[in-house]
């Protein structure tokens, strides 16, 4: 069992910014129930993601995977674009 490789973490994310070459800033939202209040809470985390071919753009939904550190902030790589953004969604995301 020592030689088995652990499964890399994957997430679905929405691209917030695509200004920097080969780097995307994405948002990953997760829902969970508060243990005491039993209220559904939404947490959002932003990651810097490596996009080698500059395929994704603002508003796109993408799949990311955890990798070794590429820079001070980049520890995730884009696997594929799951869904292209509609123009109106991209404009709304920029205003958040």
N, C-alpha and C. Protein backbone atom coordinates (compact mmCIF):
# COMPACT_ATOMS: atom_id res chain seq x y z
N UNK A 1 0.80 -1.20 0.00
CA UNK A 1 0.00 0.00 0.00
C UNK A 1 0.84 1.26 0.00
N UNK A 2 2.07 1.17 0.38
CA UNK A 2 2.93 2.35 0.43
C UNK A 2 3.17 2.94 -0.95
N UNK A 3 3.19 2.10 -1.99
CA UNK A 3 3.48 2.59 -3.33
C UNK A 3 2.27 3.16 -4.06
N UNK A 4 1.07 2.94 -3.51
CA UNK A 4 -0.12 3.48 -4.16
C UNK A 4 -0.11 4.99 -4.12
N UNK A 5 -0.41 5.59 -5.26
CA UNK A 5 -0.44 7.05 -5.31
C UNK A 5 -1.79 7.54 -4.82
N UNK A 6 -1.78 8.56 -4.01
CA UNK A 6 -3.04 9.11 -3.52
C UNK A 6 -3.74 9.87 -4.63
N UNK A 7 -5.05 9.89 -4.57
CA UNK A 7 -5.86 10.56 -5.58
C UNK A 7 -5.71 12.08 -5.44
N UNK A 8 -5.40 12.76 -6.54
CA UNK A 8 -5.27 14.22 -6.52
C UNK A 8 -6.64 14.86 -6.37
N UNK A 9 -6.70 15.97 -5.65
CA UNK A 9 -7.97 16.66 -5.45
C UNK A 9 -8.38 17.40 -6.71
N UNK A 10 -9.65 17.32 -7.05
CA UNK A 10 -10.19 18.07 -8.19
C UNK A 10 -11.35 18.91 -7.71
N UNK A 11 -11.59 20.01 -8.40
CA UNK A 11 -12.68 20.92 -8.07
C UNK A 11 -13.29 21.46 -9.36
N UNK A 12 -14.53 21.92 -9.26
CA UNK A 12 -15.18 22.67 -10.35
C UNK A 12 -15.11 24.12 -9.92
N UNK A 13 -14.72 25.00 -10.85
CA UNK A 13 -14.52 26.41 -10.51
C UNK A 13 -15.03 27.31 -11.62
N UNK A 14 -15.24 28.57 -11.27
CA UNK A 14 -15.65 29.58 -12.24
C UNK A 14 -14.51 30.59 -12.36
N UNK A 15 -14.14 30.93 -13.60
CA UNK A 15 -13.04 31.86 -13.83
C UNK A 15 -13.51 33.28 -13.52
N UNK A 16 -12.77 33.96 -12.64
CA UNK A 16 -13.09 35.35 -12.30
C UNK A 16 -12.26 36.33 -13.13
N UNK A 17 -10.96 36.00 -13.31
CA UNK A 17 -10.07 36.89 -14.05
C UNK A 17 -9.17 36.10 -14.98
N UNK A 18 -8.91 36.67 -16.16
CA UNK A 18 -8.02 36.02 -17.13
C UNK A 18 -7.03 37.00 -17.75
N UNK A 19 -6.61 37.98 -16.99
CA UNK A 19 -5.74 39.04 -17.51
C UNK A 19 -4.28 38.59 -17.68
N UNK A 20 -3.80 37.73 -16.80
CA UNK A 20 -2.40 37.33 -16.81
C UNK A 20 -2.21 36.13 -17.73
N UNK A 21 -1.11 36.12 -18.48
CA UNK A 21 -0.83 35.03 -19.41
C UNK A 21 -0.64 33.72 -18.66
N UNK A 22 -1.37 32.68 -19.07
CA UNK A 22 -1.30 31.32 -18.53
C UNK A 22 -1.73 31.20 -17.07
N UNK A 23 -2.39 32.20 -16.53
CA UNK A 23 -2.87 32.16 -15.15
C UNK A 23 -4.32 32.63 -15.11
N UNK A 24 -5.13 31.92 -14.36
CA UNK A 24 -6.52 32.29 -14.17
C UNK A 24 -6.79 32.37 -12.67
N UNK A 25 -7.59 33.35 -12.27
CA UNK A 25 -8.06 33.42 -10.90
C UNK A 25 -9.47 32.86 -10.91
N UNK A 26 -9.69 31.81 -10.12
CA UNK A 26 -10.97 31.11 -10.13
C UNK A 26 -11.60 31.12 -8.74
N UNK A 27 -12.90 30.90 -8.71
CA UNK A 27 -13.65 30.83 -7.47
C UNK A 27 -14.27 29.46 -7.33
N UNK A 28 -14.05 28.83 -6.17
CA UNK A 28 -14.65 27.53 -5.87
C UNK A 28 -15.62 27.75 -4.70
N UNK A 29 -16.89 27.43 -4.94
CA UNK A 29 -17.92 27.61 -3.91
C UNK A 29 -18.34 26.25 -3.37
N UNK A 30 -18.44 26.15 -2.05
CA UNK A 30 -18.91 24.91 -1.46
C UNK A 30 -20.01 25.22 -0.46
N UNK A 31 -20.97 24.32 -0.37
CA UNK A 31 -22.08 24.45 0.56
C UNK A 31 -21.92 23.40 1.66
N UNK A 32 -22.22 23.80 2.89
CA UNK A 32 -22.21 22.84 3.98
C UNK A 32 -23.19 23.30 5.05
N UNK A 33 -23.61 22.38 5.85
CA UNK A 33 -24.56 22.69 6.93
C UNK A 33 -23.78 22.96 8.21
N UNK A 34 -24.09 24.08 8.85
CA UNK A 34 -23.44 24.44 10.11
C UNK A 34 -23.82 23.40 11.16
N UNK A 35 -22.81 22.87 11.89
CA UNK A 35 -23.08 21.78 12.82
C UNK A 35 -24.05 22.15 13.96
N UNK A 36 -24.00 23.38 14.43
CA UNK A 36 -24.84 23.77 15.56
C UNK A 36 -26.14 24.45 15.11
N UNK A 37 -26.03 25.37 14.16
CA UNK A 37 -27.19 26.14 13.73
C UNK A 37 -28.04 25.43 12.68
N UNK A 38 -27.49 24.39 12.06
CA UNK A 38 -28.18 23.64 11.00
C UNK A 38 -28.59 24.53 9.82
N UNK A 39 -27.85 25.58 9.62
CA UNK A 39 -28.11 26.50 8.52
C UNK A 39 -27.12 26.19 7.38
N UNK A 40 -27.59 26.26 6.14
CA UNK A 40 -26.72 25.99 5.01
C UNK A 40 -25.85 27.23 4.77
N UNK A 41 -24.54 27.02 4.74
CA UNK A 41 -23.59 28.12 4.59
C UNK A 41 -22.82 27.94 3.30
N UNK A 42 -22.58 29.04 2.61
CA UNK A 42 -21.83 29.04 1.35
C UNK A 42 -20.47 29.67 1.60
N UNK A 43 -19.42 28.90 1.34
CA UNK A 43 -18.05 29.40 1.48
C UNK A 43 -17.43 29.49 0.09
N UNK A 44 -16.66 30.55 -0.15
CA UNK A 44 -16.02 30.75 -1.44
C UNK A 44 -14.51 30.91 -1.23
N UNK A 45 -13.74 30.20 -2.06
CA UNK A 45 -12.29 30.28 -2.00
C UNK A 45 -11.78 30.62 -3.39
N UNK A 46 -10.76 31.49 -3.46
CA UNK A 46 -10.18 31.85 -4.74
C UNK A 46 -8.81 31.18 -4.88
N UNK A 47 -8.55 30.63 -6.06
CA UNK A 47 -7.27 30.00 -6.35
C UNK A 47 -6.67 30.59 -7.61
N UNK A 48 -5.34 30.58 -7.68
CA UNK A 48 -4.63 30.90 -8.92
C UNK A 48 -4.39 29.57 -9.63
N UNK A 49 -4.79 29.50 -10.91
CA UNK A 49 -4.77 28.24 -11.66
C UNK A 49 -3.91 28.41 -12.91
N UNK A 50 -3.12 27.38 -13.21
CA UNK A 50 -2.28 27.39 -14.41
C UNK A 50 -3.10 26.91 -15.61
N UNK A 51 -3.14 27.72 -16.68
CA UNK A 51 -3.85 27.39 -17.92
C UNK A 51 -2.84 27.52 -19.06
N UNK A 52 -2.18 26.42 -19.39
CA UNK A 52 -1.06 26.42 -20.34
C UNK A 52 -1.41 27.02 -21.69
N UNK A 53 -2.60 26.71 -22.23
CA UNK A 53 -2.96 27.14 -23.58
C UNK A 53 -3.87 28.36 -23.61
N UNK A 54 -4.11 28.98 -22.48
CA UNK A 54 -5.00 30.15 -22.38
C UNK A 54 -6.38 29.85 -22.99
N UNK A 55 -6.93 28.68 -22.67
CA UNK A 55 -8.21 28.25 -23.23
C UNK A 55 -9.42 28.87 -22.54
N UNK A 56 -9.33 29.10 -21.24
CA UNK A 56 -10.49 29.59 -20.49
C UNK A 56 -10.51 31.11 -20.42
N UNK A 57 -11.73 31.62 -20.23
CA UNK A 57 -11.93 33.07 -20.14
C UNK A 57 -12.92 33.37 -19.02
N UNK A 58 -13.06 34.63 -18.69
CA UNK A 58 -13.92 35.04 -17.59
C UNK A 58 -15.33 34.48 -17.74
N UNK A 59 -15.82 33.88 -16.66
CA UNK A 59 -17.16 33.32 -16.64
C UNK A 59 -17.25 31.85 -16.99
N UNK A 60 -16.19 31.27 -17.54
CA UNK A 60 -16.21 29.85 -17.91
C UNK A 60 -16.19 28.98 -16.65
N UNK A 61 -16.85 27.83 -16.74
CA UNK A 61 -16.79 26.84 -15.67
C UNK A 61 -15.73 25.83 -16.07
N UNK A 62 -14.75 25.59 -15.18
CA UNK A 62 -13.63 24.71 -15.52
C UNK A 62 -13.43 23.67 -14.43
N UNK A 63 -12.70 22.61 -14.77
CA UNK A 63 -12.30 21.59 -13.80
C UNK A 63 -10.81 21.79 -13.53
N UNK A 64 -10.43 21.82 -12.24
CA UNK A 64 -9.04 22.03 -11.86
C UNK A 64 -8.56 20.86 -11.02
N UNK A 65 -7.24 20.65 -11.00
CA UNK A 65 -6.64 19.56 -10.24
C UNK A 65 -5.44 20.11 -9.47
N UNK A 66 -5.23 19.60 -8.28
CA UNK A 66 -4.12 20.05 -7.44
C UNK A 66 -2.81 19.46 -7.95
N UNK A 67 -1.77 20.29 -7.99
CA UNK A 67 -0.45 19.86 -8.47
C UNK A 67 0.64 20.40 -7.55
N UNK A 68 1.88 20.13 -7.90
CA UNK A 68 3.00 20.68 -7.14
C UNK A 68 3.02 22.21 -7.31
N UNK A 69 3.64 22.94 -6.40
CA UNK A 69 3.69 24.40 -6.53
C UNK A 69 4.43 24.84 -7.79
N UNK A 70 3.80 25.70 -8.57
CA UNK A 70 4.44 26.26 -9.77
C UNK A 70 4.99 27.66 -9.51
N UNK A 71 4.40 28.36 -8.56
CA UNK A 71 4.86 29.69 -8.18
C UNK A 71 4.43 29.92 -6.73
N UNK A 72 4.52 31.15 -6.28
CA UNK A 72 4.16 31.44 -4.90
C UNK A 72 2.68 31.15 -4.63
N UNK A 73 1.82 31.39 -5.63
CA UNK A 73 0.38 31.21 -5.42
C UNK A 73 -0.24 30.07 -6.22
N UNK A 74 0.40 29.63 -7.30
CA UNK A 74 -0.22 28.63 -8.17
C UNK A 74 0.08 27.20 -7.71
N UNK A 75 -1.02 26.50 -7.33
CA UNK A 75 -0.91 25.10 -6.93
C UNK A 75 -2.00 24.26 -7.58
N UNK A 76 -2.66 24.81 -8.59
CA UNK A 76 -3.72 24.13 -9.30
C UNK A 76 -3.50 24.27 -10.80
N UNK A 77 -3.97 23.27 -11.57
CA UNK A 77 -3.86 23.29 -13.03
C UNK A 77 -5.23 23.02 -13.62
N UNK A 78 -5.54 23.71 -14.72
CA UNK A 78 -6.80 23.50 -15.39
C UNK A 78 -6.77 22.19 -16.16
N UNK A 79 -7.81 21.36 -16.01
CA UNK A 79 -7.90 20.09 -16.72
C UNK A 79 -8.68 20.30 -18.02
N UNK A 80 -9.88 20.90 -17.90
CA UNK A 80 -10.68 21.16 -19.10
C UNK A 80 -11.74 22.21 -18.82
N UNK A 81 -12.25 22.79 -19.90
CA UNK A 81 -13.35 23.73 -19.80
C UNK A 81 -14.64 22.92 -19.82
N UNK A 82 -15.40 22.99 -18.75
CA UNK A 82 -16.64 22.22 -18.65
C UNK A 82 -17.76 22.92 -19.40
N UNK A 83 -17.84 24.25 -19.24
CA UNK A 83 -18.93 25.01 -19.85
C UNK A 83 -18.45 26.42 -20.18
N UNK A 84 -18.66 26.84 -21.41
CA UNK A 84 -18.29 28.20 -21.82
C UNK A 84 -19.30 29.18 -21.25
N UNK A 85 -18.85 30.39 -20.94
CA UNK A 85 -19.73 31.40 -20.35
C UNK A 85 -20.54 32.11 -21.42
N UNK A 86 -21.74 32.48 -21.01
CA UNK A 86 -22.53 33.39 -21.83
C UNK A 86 -22.02 34.79 -21.51
N UNK A 87 -22.13 35.69 -22.44
CA UNK A 87 -21.58 37.04 -22.25
C UNK A 87 -22.16 37.72 -21.01
N UNK A 88 -23.46 37.60 -20.78
CA UNK A 88 -24.10 38.26 -19.65
C UNK A 88 -23.59 37.73 -18.30
N UNK A 89 -23.30 36.42 -18.22
CA UNK A 89 -22.77 35.85 -16.98
C UNK A 89 -21.38 36.40 -16.69
N UNK A 90 -20.56 36.56 -17.71
CA UNK A 90 -19.21 37.08 -17.51
C UNK A 90 -19.24 38.51 -16.98
N UNK A 91 -20.14 39.31 -17.47
CA UNK A 91 -20.26 40.70 -17.01
C UNK A 91 -20.70 40.72 -15.55
N UNK A 92 -21.64 39.87 -15.18
CA UNK A 92 -22.11 39.82 -13.78
C UNK A 92 -21.01 39.36 -12.84
N UNK A 93 -20.18 38.40 -13.26
CA UNK A 93 -19.10 37.90 -12.41
C UNK A 93 -18.07 38.97 -12.14
N UNK A 94 -17.79 39.82 -13.12
CA UNK A 94 -16.79 40.87 -12.92
C UNK A 94 -17.24 41.90 -11.89
N UNK A 95 -18.55 42.10 -11.76
CA UNK A 95 -19.07 43.11 -10.83
C UNK A 95 -19.07 42.66 -9.38
N UNK A 96 -18.85 41.37 -9.12
CA UNK A 96 -18.87 40.86 -7.74
C UNK A 96 -17.70 41.33 -6.95
